[in-house]
Amino acid sequence: MSENLTRKTLRRSRSSRILTGVCGGIGEFLRVDPNLIRLAFAVFTLLGGSGVLLYLIAWLVIPEEGTGSSVLEHLIRTFQGKESRL
């Protein structure tokens, strides 16, 4: 019995984005409507502001579709490159 197992990875969406594709990517990964993810972030934001912080962290650590690294990885590499030139 041969099973076609594909490994699913979490990526920020390019096709289902409003701002940075975080909610679209999470929605695609979990196979739910991205609007439900957006609603969850809005609720967390209204109930103490943690939604904004969670969204920013997700934007920093989740790579975009078609790229190999996240925004945070890119920033770290850029900073390391500047330090090595000093």
Protein backbone atom coordinates (compact mmCIF):
# COMPACT_ATOMS: atom_id res chain seq x y z
CA MET A 1 0.00 0.00 0.00
CA SER A 2 1.59 3.22 -1.16
CA GLU A 3 0.60 6.46 0.51
CA ASN A 4 1.42 9.83 -0.93
CA LEU A 5 2.55 11.70 2.15
CA THR A 6 3.26 15.35 1.57
CA ARG A 7 4.72 17.45 4.31
CA LYS A 8 2.75 20.61 4.82
CA THR A 9 4.67 23.71 5.86
CA LEU A 10 3.40 26.91 7.37
CA ARG A 11 4.03 29.83 5.02
CA ARG A 12 2.61 33.34 4.71
CA SER A 13 0.19 33.36 1.80
CA ARG A 14 0.73 35.44 -1.32
CA SER A 15 -2.73 34.76 -2.74
CA SER A 16 -4.89 35.15 0.38
CA ARG A 17 -3.44 38.23 2.00
CA ILE A 18 -4.76 41.53 3.27
CA LEU A 19 -1.62 42.83 4.99
CA THR A 20 1.27 40.39 5.14
CA GLY A 21 -0.38 37.02 4.48
CA VAL A 22 -0.11 35.70 8.04
CA CYS A 23 -3.82 34.91 8.46
CA GLY A 24 -4.10 33.52 4.93
CA GLY A 25 -1.11 31.26 5.50
CA ILE A 26 -2.37 30.01 8.85
CA GLY A 27 -5.81 29.44 7.34
CA GLU A 28 -4.35 27.43 4.45
CA PHE A 29 -2.19 25.42 6.86
CA LEU A 30 -5.13 24.60 9.16
CA ARG A 31 -7.58 24.27 6.25
CA VAL A 32 -9.96 26.87 7.66
CA ASP A 33 -11.28 30.15 6.30
CA PRO A 34 -8.59 32.86 6.75
CA ASN A 35 -11.34 35.22 7.93
CA LEU A 36 -11.75 33.07 11.05
CA ILE A 37 -8.05 33.53 11.78
CA ARG A 38 -8.41 37.28 11.20
CA LEU A 39 -11.38 37.32 13.58
CA ALA A 40 -9.34 35.49 16.23
CA PHE A 41 -6.52 38.05 15.95
CA ALA A 42 -9.10 40.86 16.23
CA VAL A 43 -10.64 39.29 19.35
CA PHE A 44 -7.20 38.87 20.96
CA THR A 45 -6.45 42.49 20.12
CA LEU A 46 -9.66 43.75 21.69
CA LEU A 47 -9.17 41.58 24.78
CA GLY A 48 -5.87 42.99 25.94
CA GLY A 49 -3.90 43.79 22.81
CA SER A 50 -2.10 40.47 22.52
CA GLY A 51 -3.43 39.97 18.98
CA VAL A 52 -1.15 42.67 17.60
CA LEU A 53 1.89 41.19 19.33
CA LEU A 54 1.05 37.67 18.14
CA TYR A 55 0.53 38.93 14.58
CA LEU A 56 3.89 40.74 14.57
CA ILE A 57 5.68 37.67 15.90
CA ALA A 58 4.01 35.48 13.28
CA TRP A 59 5.02 37.94 10.54
CA LEU A 60 8.61 37.84 11.74
CA VAL A 61 8.98 34.06 12.03
CA ILE A 62 6.74 32.60 9.28
CA PRO A 63 8.44 32.63 5.86
CA GLU A 64 6.51 33.80 2.82
CA GLU A 65 5.50 31.37 0.09
CA GLY A 66 8.33 30.92 -2.37
CA THR A 67 11.05 32.11 -0.02
CA GLY A 68 13.42 30.09 2.08
CA SER A 69 13.69 32.37 5.07
CA SER A 70 11.54 34.50 7.33
CA VAL A 71 11.79 38.24 7.87
CA LEU A 72 13.58 37.61 11.17
CA GLU A 73 16.16 35.32 9.53
CA HIS A 74 16.79 37.97 6.87
CA LEU A 75 17.26 40.67 9.53
CA ILE A 76 19.68 38.50 11.50
CA ARG A 77 21.76 37.70 8.41
CA THR A 78 21.85 41.38 7.45
CA PHE A 79 22.95 42.38 10.96
CA GLN A 80 25.61 39.66 11.05
CA GLY A 81 26.93 40.80 7.68
CA LYS A 82 27.27 44.38 8.90
CA GLU A 83 29.05 43.29 12.07
CA SER A 84 31.61 41.18 10.19
CA ARG A 85 32.58 44.21 8.08
CA LEU A 86 33.45 46.27 11.16
